[in-house]
Amino acid sequence: MAYPITQTKMLVNSVNTSTTVSLVEGMQVAKVSFLNAAGQVGQITLSPLQPQAENVEFKTGTQTVKIALIKFAAQFGFDNGKVTVSGDATDQEGKNDSPFNKEIANWS
């Protein structure tokens, strides 16, 4: 597969993710951007050297996105690469806190 690979997924409460996987010094690296209608809320970079992040919070205006756990697995052999994320987010008014637990990227 040719790199970079970009995949966009709806997360919850008008929050989307855009994940770009590229090769950096022969290693797959995923940059995950969390976006709402106003733009980027935050970004996390994952790689085999740092395959997960926990307890990360992004806030823009009154909207809050809390990442409990985001995990990266590189594509290798017959195993697809993937990024999964769990946590919760409010809507743009800071209300209606909703949980999420999703696979936001998958590549082979």
N, C-alpha and C. Protein backbone atom coordinates (compact mmCIF):
# COMPACT_ATOMS: atom_id res chain seq x y z
N MET A 1 0.84 -1.18 0.00
CA MET A 1 0.00 0.00 0.00
C MET A 1 0.88 1.25 0.00
N ALA A 2 0.41 2.26 -0.67
CA ALA A 2 1.17 3.51 -0.77
C ALA A 2 0.82 4.43 0.41
N TYR A 3 1.83 5.02 0.97
CA TYR A 3 1.65 5.96 2.09
C TYR A 3 1.83 7.37 1.57
N PRO A 4 1.22 8.37 2.14
CA PRO A 4 0.38 8.32 3.34
C PRO A 4 -1.03 7.84 3.04
N ILE A 5 -1.69 7.35 4.09
CA ILE A 5 -3.08 6.89 4.04
C ILE A 5 -3.85 7.80 5.00
N THR A 6 -4.98 8.35 4.54
CA THR A 6 -5.80 9.19 5.41
C THR A 6 -7.22 8.64 5.47
N GLN A 7 -7.74 8.49 6.67
CA GLN A 7 -9.11 8.02 6.87
C GLN A 7 -9.81 8.96 7.85
N THR A 8 -11.07 9.29 7.53
CA THR A 8 -11.87 10.17 8.37
C THR A 8 -13.08 9.40 8.89
N LYS A 9 -13.35 9.54 10.18
CA LYS A 9 -14.50 8.85 10.79
C LYS A 9 -15.23 9.80 11.74
N MET A 10 -16.56 9.64 11.81
CA MET A 10 -17.36 10.35 12.80
C MET A 10 -17.14 9.68 14.14
N LEU A 11 -16.87 10.46 15.16
CA LEU A 11 -16.64 9.90 16.49
C LEU A 11 -17.93 9.98 17.31
N VAL A 12 -18.31 11.19 17.72
CA VAL A 12 -19.52 11.40 18.50
C VAL A 12 -19.74 12.91 18.64
N ASN A 13 -21.00 13.35 18.80
CA ASN A 13 -21.32 14.76 19.09
C ASN A 13 -20.58 15.75 18.19
N SER A 14 -20.68 15.58 16.90
CA SER A 14 -20.06 16.46 15.90
C SER A 14 -18.54 16.45 15.93
N VAL A 15 -17.94 15.49 16.62
CA VAL A 15 -16.48 15.35 16.63
C VAL A 15 -16.11 14.26 15.62
N ASN A 16 -15.22 14.61 14.70
CA ASN A 16 -14.69 13.67 13.71
C ASN A 16 -13.22 13.42 14.00
N THR A 17 -12.72 12.32 13.45
CA THR A 17 -11.28 12.07 13.50
C THR A 17 -10.76 11.99 12.07
N SER A 18 -9.57 12.46 11.88
CA SER A 18 -8.85 12.30 10.62
C SER A 18 -7.50 11.70 10.97
N THR A 19 -7.28 10.46 10.51
CA THR A 19 -6.05 9.74 10.83
C THR A 19 -5.20 9.62 9.57
N THR A 20 -3.97 10.09 9.63
CA THR A 20 -3.03 9.97 8.53
C THR A 20 -1.88 9.07 8.97
N VAL A 21 -1.71 7.97 8.24
CA VAL A 21 -0.63 7.04 8.51
C VAL A 21 0.44 7.24 7.44
N SER A 22 1.65 7.46 7.87
CA SER A 22 2.76 7.66 6.94
C SER A 22 3.96 6.86 7.41
N LEU A 23 4.96 6.74 6.54
CA LEU A 23 6.21 6.07 6.90
C LEU A 23 7.24 7.12 7.28
N VAL A 24 7.81 6.99 8.47
CA VAL A 24 8.85 7.88 8.96
C VAL A 24 10.04 7.00 9.33
N GLU A 25 11.12 7.13 8.59
CA GLU A 25 12.31 6.31 8.80
C GLU A 25 11.97 4.83 8.83
N GLY A 26 11.09 4.40 7.88
CA GLY A 26 10.70 3.01 7.75
C GLY A 26 9.69 2.52 8.75
N MET A 27 9.17 3.41 9.59
CA MET A 27 8.23 3.04 10.65
C MET A 27 6.88 3.70 10.38
N GLN A 28 5.78 2.93 10.55
CA GLN A 28 4.45 3.49 10.39
C GLN A 28 4.14 4.41 11.58
N VAL A 29 3.67 5.61 11.26
CA VAL A 29 3.32 6.61 12.27
C VAL A 29 1.92 7.12 11.95
N ALA A 30 1.07 7.21 12.97
CA ALA A 30 -0.30 7.70 12.80
C ALA A 30 -0.46 9.03 13.50
N LYS A 31 -0.93 10.03 12.75
CA LYS A 31 -1.29 11.32 13.34
C LYS A 31 -2.81 11.39 13.34
N VAL A 32 -3.39 11.49 14.51
CA VAL A 32 -4.84 11.51 14.66
C VAL A 32 -5.27 12.91 15.07
N SER A 33 -6.07 13.54 14.21
CA SER A 33 -6.62 14.87 14.51
C SER A 33 -8.08 14.70 14.93
N PHE A 34 -8.46 15.40 15.99
CA PHE A 34 -9.84 15.43 16.45
C PHE A 34 -10.40 16.78 16.01
N LEU A 35 -11.52 16.74 15.26
CA LEU A 35 -12.04 17.94 14.60
C LEU A 35 -13.51 18.15 14.94
N ASN A 36 -13.91 19.43 15.02
CA ASN A 36 -15.32 19.78 15.07
C ASN A 36 -15.58 20.83 13.99
N ALA A 37 -16.77 21.39 13.97
CA ALA A 37 -17.11 22.34 12.91
C ALA A 37 -16.20 23.57 12.90
N ALA A 38 -15.65 23.93 14.05
CA ALA A 38 -14.78 25.11 14.14
C ALA A 38 -13.34 24.82 13.73
N GLY A 39 -12.98 23.54 13.62
CA GLY A 39 -11.61 23.20 13.24
C GLY A 39 -11.03 22.11 14.12
N GLN A 40 -9.71 22.12 14.26
CA GLN A 40 -9.03 21.08 15.02
C GLN A 40 -9.16 21.31 16.52
N VAL A 41 -9.58 20.27 17.23
CA VAL A 41 -9.70 20.31 18.68
C VAL A 41 -8.37 19.89 19.32
N GLY A 42 -7.72 18.89 18.72
CA GLY A 42 -6.44 18.41 19.24
C GLY A 42 -5.86 17.35 18.32
N GLN A 43 -4.62 16.93 18.61
CA GLN A 43 -3.95 15.95 17.78
C GLN A 43 -3.07 15.05 18.65
N ILE A 44 -3.03 13.76 18.29
CA ILE A 44 -2.18 12.78 18.97
C ILE A 44 -1.39 12.03 17.91
N THR A 45 -0.09 11.85 18.13
CA THR A 45 0.77 11.08 17.23
C THR A 45 1.15 9.78 17.91
N LEU A 46 0.95 8.66 17.19
CA LEU A 46 1.25 7.33 17.72
C LEU A 46 2.18 6.58 16.78
N SER A 47 2.98 5.68 17.33
CA SER A 47 3.92 4.89 16.54
C SER A 47 4.26 3.63 17.33
N PRO A 48 5.03 2.71 16.73
CA PRO A 48 5.46 1.54 17.51
C PRO A 48 6.27 1.92 18.76
N LEU A 49 6.91 3.09 18.74
CA LEU A 49 7.67 3.54 19.91
C LEU A 49 6.77 4.11 20.99
N GLN A 50 5.62 4.66 20.60
CA GLN A 50 4.62 5.17 21.53
C GLN A 50 3.25 4.74 21.01
N PRO A 51 2.87 3.46 21.27
CA PRO A 51 1.68 2.91 20.65
C PRO A 51 0.36 3.29 21.32
N GLN A 52 0.39 3.99 22.44
CA GLN A 52 -0.87 4.38 23.06
C GLN A 52 -0.71 5.65 23.88
N ALA A 53 -1.84 6.28 24.13
CA ALA A 53 -1.90 7.45 25.00
C ALA A 53 -3.15 7.30 25.87
N GLU A 54 -3.05 7.76 27.11
CA GLU A 54 -4.17 7.65 28.05
C GLU A 54 -4.45 8.99 28.70
N ASN A 55 -5.72 9.19 29.04
CA ASN A 55 -6.16 10.35 29.82
C ASN A 55 -5.71 11.67 29.22
N VAL A 56 -6.07 11.87 27.95
CA VAL A 56 -5.76 13.12 27.26
C VAL A 56 -7.07 13.90 27.11
N GLU A 57 -7.04 15.19 27.41
CA GLU A 57 -8.25 16.01 27.29
C GLU A 57 -7.98 17.20 26.38
N PHE A 58 -8.91 17.41 25.44
CA PHE A 58 -8.86 18.57 24.55
C PHE A 58 -10.11 19.40 24.80
N LYS A 59 -9.96 20.72 24.79
CA LYS A 59 -11.11 21.60 24.98
C LYS A 59 -11.01 22.75 23.99
N THR A 60 -12.13 23.02 23.34
CA THR A 60 -12.23 24.19 22.47
C THR A 60 -13.58 24.84 22.74
N GLY A 61 -13.56 26.09 23.15
CA GLY A 61 -14.80 26.74 23.57
C GLY A 61 -15.35 25.99 24.76
N THR A 62 -16.61 25.55 24.66
CA THR A 62 -17.22 24.78 25.74
C THR A 62 -17.21 23.28 25.46
N GLN A 63 -16.77 22.86 24.28
CA GLN A 63 -16.74 21.44 23.95
C GLN A 63 -15.48 20.77 24.50
N THR A 64 -15.67 19.60 25.11
CA THR A 64 -14.55 18.85 25.68
C THR A 64 -14.52 17.45 25.08
N VAL A 65 -13.33 17.02 24.68
CA VAL A 65 -13.10 15.65 24.21
C VAL A 65 -12.10 15.02 25.16
N LYS A 66 -12.52 13.94 25.81
CA LYS A 66 -11.65 13.24 26.76
C LYS A 66 -11.30 11.87 26.18
N ILE A 67 -10.01 11.64 25.97
CA ILE A 67 -9.53 10.37 25.45
C ILE A 67 -9.09 9.53 26.65
N ALA A 68 -9.83 8.45 26.93
CA ALA A 68 -9.43 7.54 28.00
C ALA A 68 -8.25 6.70 27.53
N LEU A 69 -8.35 6.17 26.29
CA LEU A 69 -7.28 5.34 25.74
C LEU A 69 -7.34 5.37 24.22
N ILE A 70 -6.22 5.62 23.58
CA ILE A 70 -6.10 5.52 22.13
C ILE A 70 -4.91 4.60 21.87
N LYS A 71 -5.13 3.60 20.98
CA LYS A 71 -4.10 2.58 20.74
C LYS A 71 -3.81 2.45 19.25
N PHE A 72 -2.55 2.21 18.95
CA PHE A 72 -2.05 2.06 17.58
C PHE A 72 -1.43 0.67 17.44
N ALA A 73 -1.73 0.01 16.33
CA ALA A 73 -1.06 -1.24 15.97
C ALA A 73 -0.62 -1.12 14.52
N ALA A 74 0.66 -1.28 14.25
CA ALA A 74 1.19 -1.17 12.89
C ALA A 74 0.77 -2.37 12.07
N GLN A 75 0.61 -2.17 10.75
CA GLN A 75 0.35 -3.28 9.83
C GLN A 75 1.63 -4.10 9.72
N PHE A 76 1.48 -5.42 9.87
CA PHE A 76 2.64 -6.30 9.78
C PHE A 76 2.18 -7.67 9.30
N GLY A 77 2.80 -8.19 8.25
CA GLY A 77 2.40 -9.50 7.73
C GLY A 77 0.95 -9.50 7.31
N PHE A 78 0.19 -10.46 7.85
CA PHE A 78 -1.24 -10.55 7.52
C PHE A 78 -2.12 -9.73 8.46
N ASP A 79 -1.54 -9.09 9.46
CA ASP A 79 -2.31 -8.30 10.42
C ASP A 79 -2.47 -6.87 9.92
N ASN A 80 -3.72 -6.41 9.85
CA ASN A 80 -3.98 -5.03 9.46
C ASN A 80 -3.48 -4.07 10.53
N GLY A 81 -3.12 -2.87 10.11
CA GLY A 81 -2.83 -1.81 11.06
C GLY A 81 -4.15 -1.21 11.51
N LYS A 82 -4.19 -0.68 12.72
CA LYS A 82 -5.42 -0.05 13.18
C LYS A 82 -5.16 0.93 14.31
N VAL A 83 -6.11 1.85 14.47
CA VAL A 83 -6.13 2.78 15.59
C VAL A 83 -7.51 2.68 16.22
N THR A 84 -7.55 2.47 17.53
CA THR A 84 -8.81 2.43 18.27
C THR A 84 -8.77 3.51 19.35
N VAL A 85 -9.94 4.02 19.70
CA VAL A 85 -10.01 5.09 20.70
C VAL A 85 -11.27 4.92 21.54
N SER A 86 -11.14 5.22 22.83
CA SER A 86 -12.30 5.22 23.73
C SER A 86 -12.23 6.46 24.61
N GLY A 87 -13.40 6.92 25.03
CA GLY A 87 -13.48 8.10 25.87
C GLY A 87 -14.87 8.67 25.83
N ASP A 88 -14.99 9.99 25.96
CA ASP A 88 -16.29 10.65 25.87
C ASP A 88 -16.09 12.09 25.42
N ALA A 89 -17.16 12.67 24.91
CA ALA A 89 -17.12 14.06 24.43
C ALA A 89 -18.46 14.72 24.65
N THR A 90 -18.42 16.03 24.89
CA THR A 90 -19.64 16.82 24.99
C THR A 90 -19.99 17.36 23.61
N ASP A 91 -21.18 17.94 23.50
CA ASP A 91 -21.51 18.64 22.26
C ASP A 91 -20.87 20.03 22.30
N GLN A 92 -21.13 20.85 21.30
CA GLN A 92 -20.47 22.15 21.21
C GLN A 92 -20.93 23.14 22.26
N GLU A 93 -22.04 22.83 22.94
CA GLU A 93 -22.50 23.68 24.05
C GLU A 93 -21.96 23.19 25.39
N GLY A 94 -21.14 22.14 25.38
CA GLY A 94 -20.60 21.60 26.62
C GLY A 94 -21.57 20.69 27.36
N LYS A 95 -22.61 20.21 26.66
CA LYS A 95 -23.63 19.35 27.27
C LYS A 95 -23.63 17.99 26.56
N ASN A 96 -24.57 17.13 26.99
CA ASN A 96 -24.79 15.83 26.35
C ASN A 96 -23.51 15.02 26.22
N ASP A 97 -22.82 14.83 27.32
CA ASP A 97 -21.60 14.02 27.34
C ASP A 97 -21.92 12.61 26.85
N SER A 98 -21.26 12.17 25.80
CA SER A 98 -21.53 10.86 25.19
C SER A 98 -20.25 10.04 25.09
N PRO A 99 -20.32 8.75 25.46
CA PRO A 99 -19.13 7.90 25.37
C PRO A 99 -18.89 7.43 23.94
N PHE A 100 -17.65 7.04 23.65
CA PHE A 100 -17.32 6.41 22.38
C PHE A 100 -16.27 5.34 22.61
N ASN A 101 -16.28 4.34 21.75
CA ASN A 101 -15.31 3.25 21.76
C ASN A 101 -15.29 2.71 20.33
N LYS A 102 -14.34 3.19 19.51
CA LYS A 102 -14.40 2.91 18.08
C LYS A 102 -13.03 2.62 17.48
N GLU A 103 -13.08 1.88 16.39
CA GLU A 103 -11.90 1.76 15.53
C GLU A 103 -12.00 2.92 14.54
N ILE A 104 -11.00 3.79 14.52
CA ILE A 104 -11.07 4.99 13.68
C ILE A 104 -10.18 4.90 12.44
N ALA A 105 -9.34 3.87 12.36
CA ALA A 105 -8.53 3.67 11.16
C ALA A 105 -8.15 2.20 11.06
N ASN A 106 -8.07 1.72 9.80
CA ASN A 106 -7.70 0.34 9.53
C ASN A 106 -7.03 0.31 8.17
N TRP A 107 -5.84 -0.28 8.08
CA TRP A 107 -5.13 -0.33 6.80
C TRP A 107 -4.37 -1.65 6.68
N SER A 108 -4.10 -2.02 5.42
CA SER A 108 -3.36 -3.26 5.16
C SER A 108 -2.32 -3.04 4.07
